[in-house]
Amino acid sequence: MRPKTADSDKLGEGVRIRLTELEKRLLLKQSQKEGYRTISDFCRAKLVKKREIRKIEVSEEFVKITKKLDYELNKIGVNLNQVSRNINAQHVYQLTASDREVFMKVLQELRNCFSVLQKYMDMIE
């Protein structure tokens, strides 16, 4: 669950400005270009805050590896769901040696995925 926002950080006040359709499109385009999630975040950053969002550009290799890891993690998740469904479907299911072996392989794959992600996170920082 998300931590509660401090009273001093709550966004309770509003300011309304009128823009032409073109101005709004340009504002939205600029906020997306600079990596802001919303126009409000963009306007707050430009008008009040001094901190800028830093956009990180990654290589094609990073994108390819990340997509492959996402695919592999999804496959692992599907396998885990199948195993848990089978275990829960049978009231008195005992894990066999082959079940334990499968779990150990899944654990090793998860560790491999984590180490690759950690390597790329270290490169970004």
N, C-alpha and C. Protein backbone atom coordinates (compact mmCIF):
# COMPACT_ATOMS: atom_id res chain seq x y z
N MET A 1 0.83 -1.16 0.00
CA MET A 1 0.00 0.00 0.00
C MET A 1 0.89 1.25 0.00
N ARG A 2 0.45 2.27 -0.66
CA ARG A 2 1.21 3.51 -0.79
C ARG A 2 1.20 4.26 0.54
N PRO A 3 2.35 4.83 0.94
CA PRO A 3 2.38 5.59 2.20
C PRO A 3 1.51 6.84 2.10
N LYS A 4 1.01 7.28 3.25
CA LYS A 4 0.16 8.48 3.28
C LYS A 4 0.99 9.71 2.95
N THR A 5 0.35 10.64 2.23
CA THR A 5 0.99 11.89 1.87
C THR A 5 0.90 12.85 3.05
N ALA A 6 2.00 13.50 3.35
CA ALA A 6 2.01 14.48 4.43
C ALA A 6 1.08 15.63 4.08
N ASP A 7 0.48 16.24 5.10
CA ASP A 7 -0.45 17.35 4.86
C ASP A 7 0.19 18.47 4.06
N SER A 8 1.46 18.71 4.30
CA SER A 8 2.15 19.79 3.59
C SER A 8 2.38 19.46 2.11
N ASP A 9 2.32 18.17 1.75
CA ASP A 9 2.56 17.76 0.37
C ASP A 9 1.27 17.50 -0.42
N LYS A 10 0.11 17.59 0.23
CA LYS A 10 -1.15 17.32 -0.46
C LYS A 10 -1.45 18.44 -1.45
N LEU A 11 -1.97 18.05 -2.59
CA LEU A 11 -2.28 19.01 -3.65
C LEU A 11 -3.76 19.36 -3.57
N GLY A 12 -4.10 20.32 -2.73
CA GLY A 12 -5.49 20.67 -2.52
C GLY A 12 -5.91 21.96 -3.22
N GLU A 13 -4.96 22.76 -3.62
CA GLU A 13 -5.27 24.04 -4.24
C GLU A 13 -5.12 23.93 -5.75
N GLY A 14 -5.90 24.73 -6.47
CA GLY A 14 -5.84 24.69 -7.92
C GLY A 14 -5.73 26.08 -8.52
N VAL A 15 -5.19 26.14 -9.71
CA VAL A 15 -5.11 27.37 -10.48
C VAL A 15 -5.60 27.02 -11.88
N ARG A 16 -6.46 27.84 -12.40
CA ARG A 16 -7.02 27.54 -13.72
C ARG A 16 -6.53 28.59 -14.72
N ILE A 17 -6.03 28.12 -15.84
CA ILE A 17 -5.63 29.04 -16.90
C ILE A 17 -6.34 28.61 -18.18
N ARG A 18 -6.51 29.52 -19.05
CA ARG A 18 -7.16 29.21 -20.33
C ARG A 18 -6.10 29.22 -21.43
N LEU A 19 -6.17 28.19 -22.27
CA LEU A 19 -5.23 28.05 -23.38
C LEU A 19 -6.00 27.80 -24.66
N THR A 20 -5.37 28.11 -25.77
CA THR A 20 -5.96 27.70 -27.04
C THR A 20 -5.70 26.21 -27.21
N GLU A 21 -6.39 25.61 -28.13
CA GLU A 21 -6.19 24.18 -28.40
C GLU A 21 -4.75 23.90 -28.81
N LEU A 22 -4.18 24.79 -29.62
CA LEU A 22 -2.80 24.64 -30.06
C LEU A 22 -1.83 24.75 -28.88
N GLU A 23 -2.06 25.73 -28.00
CA GLU A 23 -1.18 25.90 -26.84
C GLU A 23 -1.22 24.66 -25.95
N LYS A 24 -2.41 24.10 -25.76
CA LYS A 24 -2.52 22.91 -24.91
C LYS A 24 -1.78 21.73 -25.54
N ARG A 25 -1.94 21.57 -26.86
CA ARG A 25 -1.22 20.48 -27.55
C ARG A 25 0.29 20.65 -27.42
N LEU A 26 0.77 21.89 -27.58
CA LEU A 26 2.20 22.16 -27.45
C LEU A 26 2.68 21.89 -26.03
N LEU A 27 1.88 22.28 -25.04
CA LEU A 27 2.22 22.05 -23.63
C LEU A 27 2.29 20.55 -23.34
N LEU A 28 1.32 19.80 -23.83
CA LEU A 28 1.30 18.35 -23.63
C LEU A 28 2.50 17.70 -24.31
N LYS A 29 2.79 18.12 -25.54
CA LYS A 29 3.92 17.56 -26.28
C LYS A 29 5.24 17.83 -25.55
N GLN A 30 5.41 19.05 -25.05
CA GLN A 30 6.64 19.40 -24.34
C GLN A 30 6.77 18.63 -23.04
N SER A 31 5.65 18.46 -22.32
CA SER A 31 5.71 17.73 -21.05
C SER A 31 6.06 16.26 -21.29
N GLN A 32 5.52 15.67 -22.34
CA GLN A 32 5.85 14.28 -22.66
C GLN A 32 7.30 14.16 -23.11
N LYS A 33 7.76 15.12 -23.88
CA LYS A 33 9.14 15.11 -24.38
C LYS A 33 10.13 15.15 -23.21
N GLU A 34 9.79 15.91 -22.17
CA GLU A 34 10.68 16.03 -21.03
C GLU A 34 10.46 14.94 -19.99
N GLY A 35 9.53 14.03 -20.24
CA GLY A 35 9.36 12.86 -19.38
C GLY A 35 8.42 13.03 -18.21
N TYR A 36 7.58 14.05 -18.23
CA TYR A 36 6.60 14.24 -17.15
C TYR A 36 5.37 13.38 -17.41
N ARG A 37 4.77 12.87 -16.33
CA ARG A 37 3.58 12.02 -16.48
C ARG A 37 2.35 12.82 -16.83
N THR A 38 2.22 14.00 -16.27
CA THR A 38 1.02 14.82 -16.51
C THR A 38 1.42 16.25 -16.80
N ILE A 39 0.47 16.99 -17.36
CA ILE A 39 0.70 18.42 -17.60
C ILE A 39 0.85 19.14 -16.26
N SER A 40 0.09 18.72 -15.24
CA SER A 40 0.19 19.35 -13.92
C SER A 40 1.59 19.20 -13.35
N ASP A 41 2.17 17.99 -13.45
CA ASP A 41 3.54 17.79 -12.97
C ASP A 41 4.52 18.72 -13.70
N PHE A 42 4.32 18.81 -15.02
CA PHE A 42 5.18 19.66 -15.84
C PHE A 42 5.07 21.13 -15.41
N CYS A 43 3.85 21.61 -15.25
CA CYS A 43 3.65 23.01 -14.88
C CYS A 43 4.19 23.30 -13.49
N ARG A 44 3.97 22.39 -12.53
CA ARG A 44 4.51 22.59 -11.19
C ARG A 44 6.02 22.68 -11.23
N ALA A 45 6.65 21.79 -12.00
CA ALA A 45 8.11 21.79 -12.08
C ALA A 45 8.64 23.08 -12.70
N LYS A 46 7.97 23.55 -13.72
CA LYS A 46 8.44 24.75 -14.41
C LYS A 46 8.14 26.02 -13.63
N LEU A 47 7.04 26.05 -12.91
CA LEU A 47 6.65 27.28 -12.23
C LEU A 47 7.15 27.39 -10.80
N VAL A 48 7.20 26.27 -10.08
CA VAL A 48 7.47 26.33 -8.65
C VAL A 48 8.76 25.61 -8.27
N LYS A 49 8.92 24.41 -8.73
CA LYS A 49 10.05 23.59 -8.29
C LYS A 49 11.28 23.86 -9.15
N LYS A 50 12.43 23.68 -8.54
CA LYS A 50 13.67 23.87 -9.28
C LYS A 50 14.21 22.55 -9.82
N ARG A 51 13.76 21.45 -9.25
CA ARG A 51 14.25 20.13 -9.64
C ARG A 51 13.67 19.74 -10.99
N GLU A 52 14.49 19.21 -11.85
CA GLU A 52 14.07 18.75 -13.16
C GLU A 52 14.08 17.23 -13.20
N ILE A 53 13.19 16.66 -14.00
CA ILE A 53 13.20 15.23 -14.22
C ILE A 53 14.27 14.93 -15.26
N ARG A 54 15.11 13.96 -14.96
CA ARG A 54 16.18 13.61 -15.88
C ARG A 54 15.72 12.44 -16.74
N LYS A 55 15.76 12.61 -18.03
CA LYS A 55 15.35 11.55 -18.95
C LYS A 55 16.57 10.68 -19.24
N ILE A 56 16.42 9.37 -19.07
CA ILE A 56 17.52 8.44 -19.29
C ILE A 56 17.30 7.75 -20.63
N GLU A 57 18.29 7.83 -21.48
CA GLU A 57 18.22 7.14 -22.76
C GLU A 57 19.06 5.88 -22.67
N VAL A 58 18.52 4.80 -23.20
CA VAL A 58 19.20 3.50 -23.13
C VAL A 58 19.47 2.99 -24.54
N SER A 59 20.39 2.04 -24.61
CA SER A 59 20.78 1.50 -25.91
C SER A 59 19.74 0.50 -26.40
N GLU A 60 19.84 0.19 -27.67
CA GLU A 60 18.95 -0.82 -28.27
C GLU A 60 19.18 -2.18 -27.62
N GLU A 61 20.43 -2.46 -27.25
CA GLU A 61 20.75 -3.73 -26.60
C GLU A 61 20.01 -3.84 -25.27
N PHE A 62 19.98 -2.74 -24.50
CA PHE A 62 19.27 -2.73 -23.23
C PHE A 62 17.79 -3.00 -23.43
N VAL A 63 17.19 -2.36 -24.44
CA VAL A 63 15.77 -2.56 -24.71
C VAL A 63 15.51 -4.01 -25.09
N LYS A 64 16.38 -4.58 -25.93
CA LYS A 64 16.20 -5.97 -26.36
C LYS A 64 16.32 -6.93 -25.17
N ILE A 65 17.32 -6.72 -24.34
CA ILE A 65 17.52 -7.60 -23.17
C ILE A 65 16.37 -7.46 -22.19
N THR A 66 15.91 -6.23 -21.99
CA THR A 66 14.79 -6.01 -21.07
C THR A 66 13.53 -6.70 -21.57
N LYS A 67 13.26 -6.62 -22.86
CA LYS A 67 12.09 -7.31 -23.42
C LYS A 67 12.21 -8.82 -23.26
N LYS A 68 13.42 -9.35 -23.48
CA LYS A 68 13.64 -10.79 -23.32
C LYS A 68 13.44 -11.21 -21.86
N LEU A 69 13.97 -10.41 -20.93
CA LEU A 69 13.78 -10.70 -19.51
C LEU A 69 12.30 -10.65 -19.13
N ASP A 70 11.59 -9.68 -19.66
CA ASP A 70 10.16 -9.56 -19.39
C ASP A 70 9.43 -10.81 -19.88
N TYR A 71 9.79 -11.27 -21.06
CA TYR A 71 9.17 -12.47 -21.61
C TYR A 71 9.48 -13.69 -20.74
N GLU A 72 10.74 -13.83 -20.34
CA GLU A 72 11.14 -14.97 -19.51
C GLU A 72 10.46 -14.93 -18.14
N LEU A 73 10.41 -13.74 -17.53
CA LEU A 73 9.74 -13.62 -16.24
C LEU A 73 8.25 -13.95 -16.35
N ASN A 74 7.64 -13.56 -17.46
CA ASN A 74 6.23 -13.89 -17.68
C ASN A 74 6.04 -15.40 -17.77
N LYS A 75 6.95 -16.07 -18.49
CA LYS A 75 6.85 -17.54 -18.61
C LYS A 75 7.00 -18.20 -17.24
N ILE A 76 7.94 -17.69 -16.43
CA ILE A 76 8.13 -18.24 -15.09
C ILE A 76 6.86 -18.04 -14.26
N GLY A 77 6.27 -16.86 -14.37
CA GLY A 77 5.03 -16.58 -13.63
C GLY A 77 3.90 -17.51 -14.04
N VAL A 78 3.79 -17.78 -15.35
CA VAL A 78 2.76 -18.70 -15.82
C VAL A 78 3.00 -20.09 -15.25
N ASN A 79 4.25 -20.54 -15.25
CA ASN A 79 4.56 -21.86 -14.68
C ASN A 79 4.24 -21.91 -13.19
N LEU A 80 4.58 -20.87 -12.46
CA LEU A 80 4.28 -20.85 -11.03
C LEU A 80 2.77 -20.87 -10.78
N ASN A 81 2.02 -20.16 -11.60
CA ASN A 81 0.56 -20.19 -11.46
C ASN A 81 0.00 -21.58 -11.72
N GLN A 82 0.53 -22.27 -12.71
CA GLN A 82 0.07 -23.63 -13.00
C GLN A 82 0.38 -24.57 -11.85
N VAL A 83 1.58 -24.44 -11.29
CA VAL A 83 1.95 -25.30 -10.17
C VAL A 83 1.05 -25.02 -8.97
N SER A 84 0.86 -23.75 -8.66
CA SER A 84 0.04 -23.42 -7.48
C SER A 84 -1.41 -23.84 -7.70
N ARG A 85 -1.91 -23.71 -8.93
CA ARG A 85 -3.28 -24.16 -9.21
C ARG A 85 -3.41 -25.66 -8.98
N ASN A 86 -2.41 -26.42 -9.44
CA ASN A 86 -2.46 -27.88 -9.24
C ASN A 86 -2.35 -28.24 -7.77
N ILE A 87 -1.51 -27.54 -7.04
CA ILE A 87 -1.36 -27.83 -5.62
C ILE A 87 -2.67 -27.52 -4.88
N ASN A 88 -3.28 -26.38 -5.20
CA ASN A 88 -4.52 -26.00 -4.53
C ASN A 88 -5.71 -26.84 -4.95
N ALA A 89 -5.67 -27.42 -6.15
CA ALA A 89 -6.79 -28.23 -6.64
C ALA A 89 -6.86 -29.58 -5.90
N GLN A 90 -5.72 -30.07 -5.46
CA GLN A 90 -5.69 -31.35 -4.75
C GLN A 90 -5.51 -31.07 -3.26
N HIS A 91 -6.41 -31.60 -2.47
CA HIS A 91 -6.40 -31.29 -1.04
C HIS A 91 -5.19 -31.87 -0.32
N VAL A 92 -4.68 -33.01 -0.77
CA VAL A 92 -3.57 -33.64 -0.06
C VAL A 92 -2.42 -33.87 -1.02
N TYR A 93 -1.88 -32.80 -1.56
CA TYR A 93 -0.80 -32.93 -2.53
C TYR A 93 0.53 -32.84 -1.79
N GLN A 94 1.41 -33.79 -2.07
CA GLN A 94 2.75 -33.78 -1.49
C GLN A 94 3.75 -33.41 -2.58
N LEU A 95 4.66 -32.51 -2.27
CA LEU A 95 5.68 -32.13 -3.23
C LEU A 95 6.64 -33.30 -3.43
N THR A 96 6.91 -33.61 -4.68
CA THR A 96 7.84 -34.69 -5.00
C THR A 96 9.22 -34.10 -5.24
N ALA A 97 10.17 -34.98 -5.43
CA ALA A 97 11.54 -34.53 -5.71
C ALA A 97 11.59 -33.76 -7.02
N SER A 98 10.81 -34.20 -8.01
CA SER A 98 10.79 -33.48 -9.29
C SER A 98 10.18 -32.09 -9.12
N ASP A 99 9.17 -31.96 -8.23
CA ASP A 99 8.60 -30.63 -7.96
C ASP A 99 9.66 -29.71 -7.36
N ARG A 100 10.41 -30.23 -6.41
CA ARG A 100 11.45 -29.43 -5.78
C ARG A 100 12.52 -29.02 -6.80
N GLU A 101 12.82 -29.93 -7.71
CA GLU A 101 13.81 -29.64 -8.75
C GLU A 101 13.32 -28.50 -9.65
N VAL A 102 12.04 -28.54 -10.01
CA VAL A 102 11.47 -27.48 -10.84
C VAL A 102 11.53 -26.15 -10.10
N PHE A 103 11.18 -26.16 -8.81
CA PHE A 103 11.24 -24.93 -8.03
C PHE A 103 12.66 -24.38 -7.96
N MET A 104 13.64 -25.26 -7.83
CA MET A 104 15.03 -24.80 -7.77
C MET A 104 15.46 -24.19 -9.12
N LYS A 105 14.99 -24.77 -10.23
CA LYS A 105 15.31 -24.20 -11.55
C LYS A 105 14.67 -22.82 -11.71
N VAL A 106 13.42 -22.71 -11.27
CA VAL A 106 12.73 -21.42 -11.35
C VAL A 106 13.47 -20.38 -10.51
N LEU A 107 13.87 -20.77 -9.31
CA LEU A 107 14.60 -19.86 -8.44
C LEU A 107 15.91 -19.41 -9.08
N GLN A 108 16.62 -20.34 -9.72
CA GLN A 108 17.87 -19.99 -10.39
C GLN A 108 17.63 -19.03 -11.55
N GLU A 109 16.56 -19.24 -12.32
CA GLU A 109 16.23 -18.33 -13.42
C GLU A 109 15.90 -16.94 -12.90
N LEU A 110 15.16 -16.88 -11.80
CA LEU A 110 14.85 -15.58 -11.21
C LEU A 110 16.12 -14.87 -10.75
N ARG A 111 17.04 -15.61 -10.17
CA ARG A 111 18.31 -15.01 -9.76
C ARG A 111 19.09 -14.50 -10.96
N ASN A 112 19.09 -15.27 -12.07
CA ASN A 112 19.78 -14.83 -13.28
C ASN A 112 19.16 -13.53 -13.82
N CYS A 113 17.83 -13.48 -13.84
CA CYS A 113 17.15 -12.27 -14.32
C CYS A 113 17.51 -11.09 -13.44
N PHE A 114 17.50 -11.29 -12.15
CA PHE A 114 17.82 -10.21 -11.22
C PHE A 114 19.25 -9.71 -11.42
N SER A 115 20.18 -10.62 -11.62
CA SER A 115 21.58 -10.19 -11.78
C SER A 115 21.76 -9.38 -13.07
N VAL A 116 21.07 -9.77 -14.14
CA VAL A 116 21.16 -8.99 -15.38
C VAL A 116 20.56 -7.61 -15.18
N LEU A 117 19.39 -7.55 -14.54
CA LEU A 117 18.77 -6.25 -14.28
C LEU A 117 19.65 -5.39 -13.39
N GLN A 118 20.26 -6.00 -12.38
CA GLN A 118 21.14 -5.25 -11.47
C GLN A 118 22.33 -4.69 -12.21
N LYS A 119 22.88 -5.47 -13.15
CA LYS A 119 24.03 -5.01 -13.93
C LYS A 119 23.67 -3.75 -14.71
N TYR A 120 22.49 -3.75 -15.33
CA TYR A 120 22.09 -2.58 -16.11
C TYR A 120 21.70 -1.40 -15.23
N MET A 121 21.14 -1.67 -14.08
CA MET A 121 20.84 -0.58 -13.14
C MET A 121 22.12 0.09 -12.68
N ASP A 122 23.16 -0.71 -12.43
CA ASP A 122 24.44 -0.16 -12.01
C ASP A 122 25.03 0.73 -13.12
N MET A 123 24.83 0.34 -14.38
CA MET A 123 25.34 1.13 -15.50
C MET A 123 24.60 2.47 -15.60
N ILE A 124 23.30 2.48 -15.29
CA ILE A 124 22.51 3.71 -15.38
C ILE A 124 22.94 4.68 -14.29
N GLU A 125 23.15 4.17 -13.08
CA GLU A 125 23.52 5.04 -11.96
C GLU A 125 24.90 5.57 -12.18
